[in-house]
PDB file of N, CA and C in Angstrom:
ATOM      1  N   MET A   1     -38.412-120.582 -23.737  1.00  0.00           N
ATOM      2  CA  MET A   1     -37.545-119.492 -24.191  1.00  0.00           C
ATOM      3  C   MET A   1     -38.324-118.327 -24.824  1.00  0.00           C
ATOM      4  N   PRO A   2     -39.341-118.564 -25.666  1.00  0.00           N
ATOM      5  CA  PRO A   2     -40.019-117.420 -26.280  1.00  0.00           C
ATOM      6  C   PRO A   2     -40.627-116.451 -25.278  1.00  0.00           C
ATOM      7  N   GLY A   3     -40.973-116.915 -24.077  1.00  0.00           N
ATOM      8  CA  GLY A   3     -41.516-116.022 -23.068  1.00  0.00           C
ATOM      9  C   GLY A   3     -40.503-114.991 -22.591  1.00  0.00           C
ATOM     10  N   TYR A   4     -39.238-115.322 -22.705  1.00  0.00           N
ATOM     11  CA  TYR A   4     -38.181-114.414 -22.271  1.00  0.00           C
ATOM     12  C   TYR A   4     -37.436-113.776 -23.439  1.00  0.00           C
ATOM     13  N   ALA A   5     -38.024-113.789 -24.625  1.00  0.00           N
ATOM     14  CA  ALA A   5     -37.364-113.250 -25.817  1.00  0.00           C
ATOM     15  C   ALA A   5     -37.126-111.756 -25.708  1.00  0.00           C
ATOM     16  N   TRP A   6     -37.890-111.055 -24.881  1.00  0.00           N
ATOM     17  CA  TRP A   6     -37.736-109.604 -24.724  1.00  0.00           C
ATOM     18  C   TRP A   6     -36.493-109.265 -23.917  1.00  0.00           C
ATOM     19  N   LEU A   7     -36.003-110.198 -23.089  1.00  0.00           N
ATOM     20  CA  LEU A   7     -34.880-109.901 -22.203  1.00  0.00           C
ATOM     21  C   LEU A   7     -33.593-109.539 -22.955  1.00  0.00           C
ATOM     22  N   PRO A   8     -33.156-110.312 -23.965  1.00  0.00           N
ATOM     23  CA  PRO A   8     -31.947-109.901 -24.698  1.00  0.00           C
ATOM     24  C   PRO A   8     -32.105-108.558 -25.394  1.00  0.00           C
ATOM     25  N   VAL A   9     -33.301-108.289 -25.913  1.00  0.00           N
ATOM     26  CA  VAL A   9     -33.530-106.996 -26.570  1.00  0.00           C
ATOM     27  C   VAL A   9     -33.386-105.864 -25.559  1.00  0.00           C
ATOM     28  N   LEU A  10     -33.937-106.059 -24.369  1.00  0.00           N
ATOM     29  CA  LEU A  10     -33.809-105.056 -23.319  1.00  0.00           C
ATOM     30  C   LEU A  10     -32.347-104.851 -22.921  1.00  0.00           C
ATOM     31  N   LEU A  11     -31.615-105.943 -22.748  1.00  0.00           N
ATOM     32  CA  LEU A  11     -30.205-105.834 -22.364  1.00  0.00           C
ATOM     33  C   LEU A  11     -29.377-105.144 -23.441  1.00  0.00           C
ATOM     34  N   ILE A  12     -29.630-105.481 -24.688  1.00  0.00           N
ATOM     35  CA  ILE A  12     -28.894-104.838 -25.780  1.00  0.00           C
ATOM     36  C   ILE A  12     -29.241-103.359 -25.838  1.00  0.00           C
ATOM     37  N   GLY A  13     -30.505-103.030 -25.627  1.00  0.00           N
ATOM     38  CA  GLY A  13     -30.899-101.618 -25.597  1.00  0.00           C
ATOM     39  C   GLY A  13     -30.194-100.859 -24.487  1.00  0.00           C
ATOM     40  N   LEU A  14     -30.098-101.469 -23.320  1.00  0.00           N
ATOM     41  CA  LEU A  14     -29.381-100.827 -22.209  1.00  0.00           C
ATOM     42  C   LEU A  14     -27.900-100.650 -22.525  1.00  0.00           C
ATOM     43  N   ILE A  15     -27.296-101.660 -23.111  1.00  0.00           N
ATOM     44  CA  ILE A  15     -25.870-101.573 -23.458  1.00  0.00           C
ATOM     45  C   ILE A  15     -25.640-100.460 -24.480  1.00  0.00           C
ATOM     46  N   PHE A  16     -26.485-100.389 -25.508  1.00  0.00           N
ATOM     47  CA  PHE A  16     -26.328 -99.334 -26.505  1.00  0.00           C
ATOM     48  C   PHE A  16     -26.618 -97.959 -25.908  1.00  0.00           C
ATOM     49  N   GLY A  17     -27.568 -97.886 -24.993  1.00  0.00           N
ATOM     50  CA  GLY A  17     -27.840 -96.615 -24.330  1.00  0.00           C
ATOM     51  C   GLY A  17     -26.658 -96.128 -23.511  1.00  0.00           C
ATOM     52  N   ILE A  18     -26.032 -97.043 -22.786  1.00  0.00           N
ATOM     53  CA  ILE A  18     -24.846 -96.687 -22.001  1.00  0.00           C
ATOM     54  C   ILE A  18     -23.701 -96.291 -22.929  1.00  0.00           C
ATOM     55  N   ALA A  19     -23.514 -97.051 -23.996  1.00  0.00           N
ATOM     56  CA  ALA A  19     -22.459 -96.705 -24.959  1.00  0.00           C
ATOM     57  C   ALA A  19     -22.724 -95.338 -25.577  1.00  0.00           C
ATOM     58  N   GLN A  20     -23.977 -95.062 -25.903  1.00  0.00           N
ATOM     59  CA  GLN A  20     -24.335 -93.760 -26.473  1.00  0.00           C
ATOM     60  C   GLN A  20     -24.038 -92.644 -25.480  1.00  0.00           C
ATOM     61  N   HIS A  21     -24.327 -92.896 -24.218  1.00  0.00           N
ATOM     62  CA  HIS A  21     -24.082 -91.886 -23.184  1.00  0.00           C
ATOM     63  C   HIS A  21     -22.597 -91.524 -23.110  1.00  0.00           C
ATOM     64  N   PHE A  22     -21.744 -92.528 -23.117  1.00  0.00           N
ATOM     65  CA  PHE A  22     -20.313 -92.262 -22.997  1.00  0.00           C
ATOM     66  C   PHE A  22     -19.676 -91.843 -24.322  1.00  0.00           C
ATOM     67  N   ALA A  23     -20.195 -92.349 -25.439  1.00  0.00           N
ATOM     68  CA  ALA A  23     -19.627 -92.000 -26.743  1.00  0.00           C
ATOM     69  C   ALA A  23     -20.066 -90.616 -27.195  1.00  0.00           C
ATOM     70  N   GLY A  24     -21.184 -90.126 -26.669  1.00  0.00           N
ATOM     71  CA  GLY A  24     -21.694 -88.819 -27.086  1.00  0.00           C
ATOM     72  C   GLY A  24     -20.698 -87.704 -26.855  1.00  0.00           C
ATOM     73  N   THR A  25     -20.030 -87.731 -25.714  1.00  0.00           N
ATOM     74  CA  THR A  25     -19.034 -86.698 -25.407  1.00  0.00           C
ATOM     75  C   THR A  25     -17.854 -86.776 -26.366  1.00  0.00           C
ATOM     76  N   ALA A  26     -17.380 -87.988 -26.628  1.00  0.00           N
ATOM     77  CA  ALA A  26     -16.255 -88.160 -27.545  1.00  0.00           C
ATOM     78  C   ALA A  26     -16.630 -87.723 -28.955  1.00  0.00           C
ATOM     79  N   VAL A  27     -17.840 -88.066 -29.379  1.00  0.00           N
ATOM     80  CA  VAL A  27     -18.300 -87.652 -30.707  1.00  0.00           C
ATOM     81  C   VAL A  27     -18.404 -86.134 -30.766  1.00  0.00           C
ATOM     82  N   HIS A  28     -18.900 -85.522 -29.711  1.00  0.00           N
ATOM     83  CA  HIS A  28     -19.017 -84.065 -29.668  1.00  0.00           C
ATOM     84  C   HIS A  28     -17.640 -83.409 -29.794  1.00  0.00           C
ATOM     85  N   ARG A  29     -16.659 -83.918 -29.066  1.00  0.00           N
ATOM     86  CA  ARG A  29     -15.296 -83.362 -29.156  1.00  0.00           C
ATOM     87  C   ARG A  29     -14.727 -83.523 -30.560  1.00  0.00           C
ATOM     88  N   MET A  30     -14.945 -84.700 -31.150  1.00  0.00           N
ATOM     89  CA  MET A  30     -14.422 -84.958 -32.489  1.00  0.00           C
ATOM     90  C   MET A  30     -15.066 -84.019 -33.512  1.00  0.00           C
ATOM     91  N   LEU A  31     -16.382 -83.833 -33.407  1.00  0.00           N
ATOM     92  CA  LEU A  31     -17.078 -82.981 -34.363  1.00  0.00           C
ATOM     93  C   LEU A  31     -16.738 -81.509 -34.160  1.00  0.00           C
ATOM     94  N   THR A  32     -16.499 -81.107 -32.920  1.00  0.00           N
ATOM     95  CA  THR A  32     -16.150 -79.717 -32.646  1.00  0.00           C
ATOM     96  C   THR A  32     -14.791 -79.377 -33.258  1.00  0.00           C
ATOM     97  N   ALA A  33     -13.866 -80.330 -33.192  1.00  0.00           N
ATOM     98  CA  ALA A  33     -12.532 -80.097 -33.735  1.00  0.00           C
ATOM     99  C   ALA A  33     -12.503 -80.172 -35.261  1.00  0.00           C
ATOM    100  N   SER A  34     -13.488 -80.827 -35.850  1.00  0.00           N
ATOM    101  CA  SER A  34     -13.495 -80.964 -37.306  1.00  0.00           C
ATOM    102  C   SER A  34     -14.182 -79.774 -37.948  1.00  0.00           C
ATOM    103  N   GLY A  35     -14.212 -79.772 -39.243  1.00  0.00           N
ATOM    104  CA  GLY A  35     -14.845 -78.684 -39.979  1.00  0.00           C
ATOM    105  C   GLY A  35     -16.293 -78.977 -40.326  1.00  0.00           C
ATOM    106  N   MET A  36     -16.989 -79.688 -39.454  1.00  0.00           N
ATOM    107  CA  MET A  36     -18.386 -80.043 -39.706  1.00  0.00           C
ATOM    108  C   MET A  36     -19.275 -78.810 -39.662  1.00  0.00           C
ATOM    109  N   PRO A  37     -20.428 -78.882 -40.319  1.00  0.00           N
ATOM    110  CA  PRO A  37     -21.382 -77.771 -40.239  1.00  0.00           C
ATOM    111  C   PRO A  37     -21.830 -77.531 -38.792  1.00  0.00           C
ATOM    112  N   THR A  38     -22.294 -76.338 -38.527  1.00  0.00           N
ATOM    113  CA  THR A  38     -22.676 -75.946 -37.172  1.00  0.00           C
ATOM    114  C   THR A  38     -23.785 -76.823 -36.610  1.00  0.00           C
ATOM    115  N   TRP A  39     -24.797 -77.163 -37.413  1.00  0.00           N
ATOM    116  CA  TRP A  39     -25.913 -77.955 -36.886  1.00  0.00           C
ATOM    117  C   TRP A  39     -25.453 -79.321 -36.416  1.00  0.00           C
ATOM    118  N   ILE A  40     -24.427 -79.898 -37.051  1.00  0.00           N
ATOM    119  CA  ILE A  40     -23.900 -81.192 -36.606  1.00  0.00           C
ATOM    120  C   ILE A  40     -23.104 -81.020 -35.323  1.00  0.00           C
ATOM    121  N   ARG A  41     -22.306 -79.964 -35.251  1.00  0.00           N
ATOM    122  CA  ARG A  41     -21.516 -79.730 -34.034  1.00  0.00           C
ATOM    123  C   ARG A  41     -22.409 -79.448 -32.835  1.00  0.00           C
ATOM    124  N   GLU A  42     -23.521 -78.760 -33.056  1.00  0.00           N
ATOM    125  CA  GLU A  42     -24.408 -78.424 -31.947  1.00  0.00           C
ATOM    126  C   GLU A  42     -25.321 -79.574 -31.544  1.00  0.00           C
ATOM    127  N   HIS A  43     -25.509 -80.545 -32.420  1.00  0.00           N
ATOM    128  CA  HIS A  43     -26.382 -81.690 -32.138  1.00  0.00           C
ATOM    129  C   HIS A  43     -25.656 -82.998 -32.455  1.00  0.00           C
ATOM    130  N   PRO A  44     -24.651 -83.356 -31.651  1.00  0.00           N
ATOM    131  CA  PRO A  44     -23.869 -84.558 -31.986  1.00  0.00           C
ATOM    132  C   PRO A  44     -24.676 -85.843 -31.922  1.00  0.00           C
ATOM    133  N   TYR A  45     -25.760 -85.866 -31.145  1.00  0.00           N
ATOM    134  CA  TYR A  45     -26.561 -87.090 -31.070  1.00  0.00           C
ATOM    135  C   TYR A  45     -27.290 -87.358 -32.370  1.00  0.00           C
ATOM    136  N   THR A  46     -27.506 -86.319 -33.174  1.00  0.00           N
ATOM    137  CA  THR A  46     -28.110 -86.514 -34.485  1.00  0.00           C
ATOM    138  C   THR A  46     -27.203 -87.383 -35.350  1.00  0.00           C
ATOM    139  N   VAL A  47     -25.904 -87.240 -35.170  1.00  0.00           N
ATOM    140  CA  VAL A  47     -24.934 -88.020 -35.940  1.00  0.00           C
ATOM    141  C   VAL A  47     -24.699 -89.380 -35.290  1.00  0.00           C
ATOM    142  N   ALA A  48     -24.651 -89.424 -33.965  1.00  0.00           N
ATOM    143  CA  ALA A  48     -24.292 -90.655 -33.270  1.00  0.00           C
ATOM    144  C   ALA A  48     -25.462 -91.627 -33.110  1.00  0.00           C
ATOM    145  N   ALA A  49     -26.692 -91.145 -33.061  1.00  0.00           N
ATOM    146  CA  ALA A  49     -27.831 -92.017 -32.773  1.00  0.00           C
ATOM    147  C   ALA A  49     -28.217 -92.970 -33.911  1.00  0.00           C
ATOM    148  N   PRO A  50     -28.212 -92.567 -35.184  1.00  0.00           N
ATOM    149  CA  PRO A  50     -28.649 -93.505 -36.229  1.00  0.00           C
ATOM    150  C   PRO A  50     -27.878 -94.823 -36.288  1.00  0.00           C
ATOM    151  N   PRO A  51     -26.532 -94.834 -36.159  1.00  0.00           N
ATOM    152  CA  PRO A  51     -25.867 -96.148 -36.160  1.00  0.00           C
ATOM    153  C   PRO A  51     -26.337 -97.044 -35.014  1.00  0.00           C
ATOM    154  N   TYR A  52     -26.541 -96.458 -33.841  1.00  0.00           N
ATOM    155  CA  TYR A  52     -27.038 -97.249 -32.720  1.00  0.00           C
ATOM    156  C   TYR A  52     -28.442 -97.760 -33.004  1.00  0.00           C
ATOM    157  N   ALA A  53     -29.272 -96.947 -33.598  1.00  0.00           N
ATOM    158  CA  ALA A  53     -30.640 -97.368 -33.920  1.00  0.00           C
ATOM    159  C   ALA A  53     -30.634 -98.505 -34.926  1.00  0.00           C
ATOM    160  N   VAL A  54     -29.798 -98.404 -35.935  1.00  0.00           N
ATOM    161  CA  VAL A  54     -29.714 -99.467 -36.948  1.00  0.00           C
ATOM    162  C   VAL A  54     -29.225-100.769 -36.313  1.00  0.00           C
ATOM    163  N   LEU A  55     -28.195-100.677 -35.473  1.00  0.00           N
ATOM    164  CA  LEU A  55     -27.696-101.878 -34.805  1.00  0.00           C
ATOM    165  C   LEU A  55     -28.753-102.477 -33.886  1.00  0.00           C
ATOM    166  N   MET A  56     -29.492-101.641 -33.207  1.00  0.00           N
ATOM    167  CA  MET A  56     -30.534-102.132 -32.304  1.00  0.00           C
ATOM    168  C   MET A  56     -31.626-102.875 -33.071  1.00  0.00           C
ATOM    169  N   VAL A  57     -32.063-102.328 -34.184  1.00  0.00           N
ATOM    170  CA  VAL A  57     -33.091-102.990 -34.994  1.00  0.00           C
ATOM    171  C   VAL A  57     -32.539-104.301 -35.558  1.00  0.00           C
ATOM    172  N   ALA A  58     -31.299-104.287 -36.032  1.00  0.00           N
ATOM    173  CA  ALA A  58     -30.693-105.509 -36.577  1.00  0.00           C
ATOM    174  C   ALA A  58     -30.589-106.591 -35.505  1.00  0.00           C
ATOM    175  N   MET A  59     -30.174-106.217 -34.304  1.00  0.00           N
ATOM    176  CA  MET A  59     -30.074-107.202 -33.223  1.00  0.00           C
ATOM    177  C   MET A  59     -31.459-107.725 -32.850  1.00  0.00           C
ATOM    178  N   GLY A  60     -32.449-106.871 -32.821  1.00  0.00           N
ATOM    179  CA  GLY A  60     -33.815-107.311 -32.526  1.00  0.00           C
ATOM    180  C   GLY A  60     -34.316-108.305 -33.555  1.00  0.00           C
ATOM    181  N   LEU A  61     -34.051-108.033 -34.826  1.00  0.00           N
ATOM    182  CA  LEU A  61     -34.468-108.953 -35.883  1.00  0.00           C
ATOM    183  C   LEU A  61     -33.730-110.289 -35.779  1.00  0.00           C
ATOM    184  N   LEU A  62     -32.452-110.236 -35.472  1.00  0.00           N
ATOM    185  CA  LEU A  62     -31.662-111.455 -35.308  1.00  0.00           C
ATOM    186  C   LEU A  62     -32.182-112.285 -34.140  1.00  0.00           C
ATOM    187  N   ILE A  63     -32.460-111.634 -33.029  1.00  0.00           N
ATOM    188  CA  ILE A  63     -32.994-112.348 -31.869  1.00  0.00           C
ATOM    189  C   ILE A  63     -34.349-112.951 -32.204  1.00  0.00           C
ATOM    190  N   ASN A  64     -35.165-112.230 -32.952  1.00  0.00           N
ATOM    191  CA  ASN A  64     -36.469-112.741 -33.356  1.00  0.00           C
ATOM    192  C   ASN A  64     -36.324-114.021 -34.177  1.00  0.00           C
ATOM    193  N   VAL A  65     -35.409-114.026 -35.127  1.00  0.00           N
ATOM    194  CA  VAL A  65     -35.198-115.204 -35.968  1.00  0.00           C
ATOM    195  C   VAL A  65     -34.717-116.380 -35.126  1.00  0.00           C
ATOM    196  N   VAL A  66     -33.769-116.134 -34.241  1.00  0.00           N
ATOM    197  CA  VAL A  66     -33.212-117.215 -33.418  1.00  0.00           C
ATOM    198  C   VAL A  66     -34.287-117.799 -32.499  1.00  0.00           C
ATOM    199  N   VAL A  67     -35.063-116.952 -31.859  1.00  0.00           N
ATOM    200  CA  VAL A  67     -36.096-117.437 -30.937  1.00  0.00           C
ATOM    201  C   VAL A  67     -37.171-118.215 -31.690  1.00  0.00           C
ATOM    202  N   ARG A  68     -37.549-117.748 -32.862  1.00  0.00           N
ATOM    203  CA  ARG A  68     -38.557-118.477 -33.646  1.00  0.00           C
ATOM    204  C   ARG A  68     -38.038-119.853 -34.072  1.00  0.00           C
ATOM    205  N   ARG A  69     -36.773-119.932 -34.468  1.00  0.00           N
ATOM    206  CA  ARG A  69     -36.211-121.231 -34.853  1.00  0.00           C
ATOM    207  C   ARG A  69     -36.125-122.168 -33.656  1.00  0.00           C
ATOM    208  N   MET A  70     -35.743-121.622 -32.501  1.00  0.00           N
ATOM    209  CA  MET A  70     -35.685-122.452 -31.301  1.00  0.00           C
ATOM    210  C   MET A  70     -37.069-122.979 -30.935  1.00  0.00           C
ATOM    211  N   ALA A  71     -38.083-122.129 -31.062  1.00  0.00           N
ATOM    212  CA  ALA A  71     -39.448-122.552 -30.758  1.00  0.00           C
ATOM    213  C   ALA A  71     -39.914-123.619 -31.742  1.00  0.00           C
ATOM    214  N   ARG A  72     -39.565-123.459 -33.020  1.00  0.00           N
ATOM    215  CA  ARG A  72     -39.938-124.458 -34.028  1.00  0.00           C
ATOM    216  C   ARG A  72     -39.276-125.797 -33.744  1.00  0.00           C
ATOM    217  N   HIS A  73     -37.990-125.768 -33.383  1.00  0.00           N
ATOM    218  CA  HIS A  73     -37.276-127.010 -33.072  1.00  0.00           C
ATOM    219  C   HIS A  73     -37.847-127.674 -31.820  1.00  0.00           C
ATOM    220  N   ALA A  74     -38.203-126.872 -30.831  1.00  0.00           N
ATOM    221  CA  ALA A  74     -38.798-127.428 -29.608  1.00  0.00           C
ATOM    222  C   ALA A  74     -40.149-128.063 -29.907  1.00  0.00           C
ATOM    223  N   ALA A  75     -40.946-127.415 -30.754  1.00  0.00           N
ATOM    224  CA  ALA A  75     -42.257-127.963 -31.112  1.00  0.00           C
ATOM    225  C   ALA A  75     -42.109-129.247 -31.917  1.00  0.00           C
ATOM    226  N   ALA A  76     -41.116-129.301 -32.805  1.00  0.00           N
ATOM    227  CA  ALA A  76     -40.880-130.492 -33.607  1.00  0.00           C
ATOM    228  C   ALA A  76     -40.384-131.648 -32.730  1.00  0.00           C
ATOM    229  N   ALA A  77     -39.605-131.353 -31.705  1.00  0.00           N
ATOM    230  CA  ALA A  77     -39.086-132.392 -30.813  1.00  0.00           C
ATOM    231  C   ALA A  77     -40.208-132.982 -29.966  1.00  0.00           C
ATOM    232  N   ARG A  78     -41.195-132.178 -29.605  1.00  0.00           N
ATOM    233  CA  ARG A  78     -42.329-132.662 -28.821  1.00  0.00           C
ATOM    234  C   ARG A  78     -43.273-133.524 -29.649  1.00  0.00           C
ATOM    235  N   ALA A  79     -43.320-133.244 -30.942  1.00  0.00           N
ATOM    236  CA  ALA A  79     -44.285-133.957 -31.803  1.00  0.00           C
ATOM    237  C   ALA A  79     -43.820-135.329 -32.195  1.00  0.00           C
TER     238      ALA A  79
END
């Protein structure tokens, strides 16, 4: 399993990238209609990207912990 630990991270990154692509337009419309400052309205990805980045890092850390525990349990079972 540890050899394929990068695969879930890649899949989650792709899912968040696709979500960002489709949510960007909705966020832009929402910010344009609101009374947000001009720099936020003109750069909606500045507002939308940090939550995705935080979730991506959190998921990566979670996957890291799970894979390390699985590897430890597998090593203990062999011993």
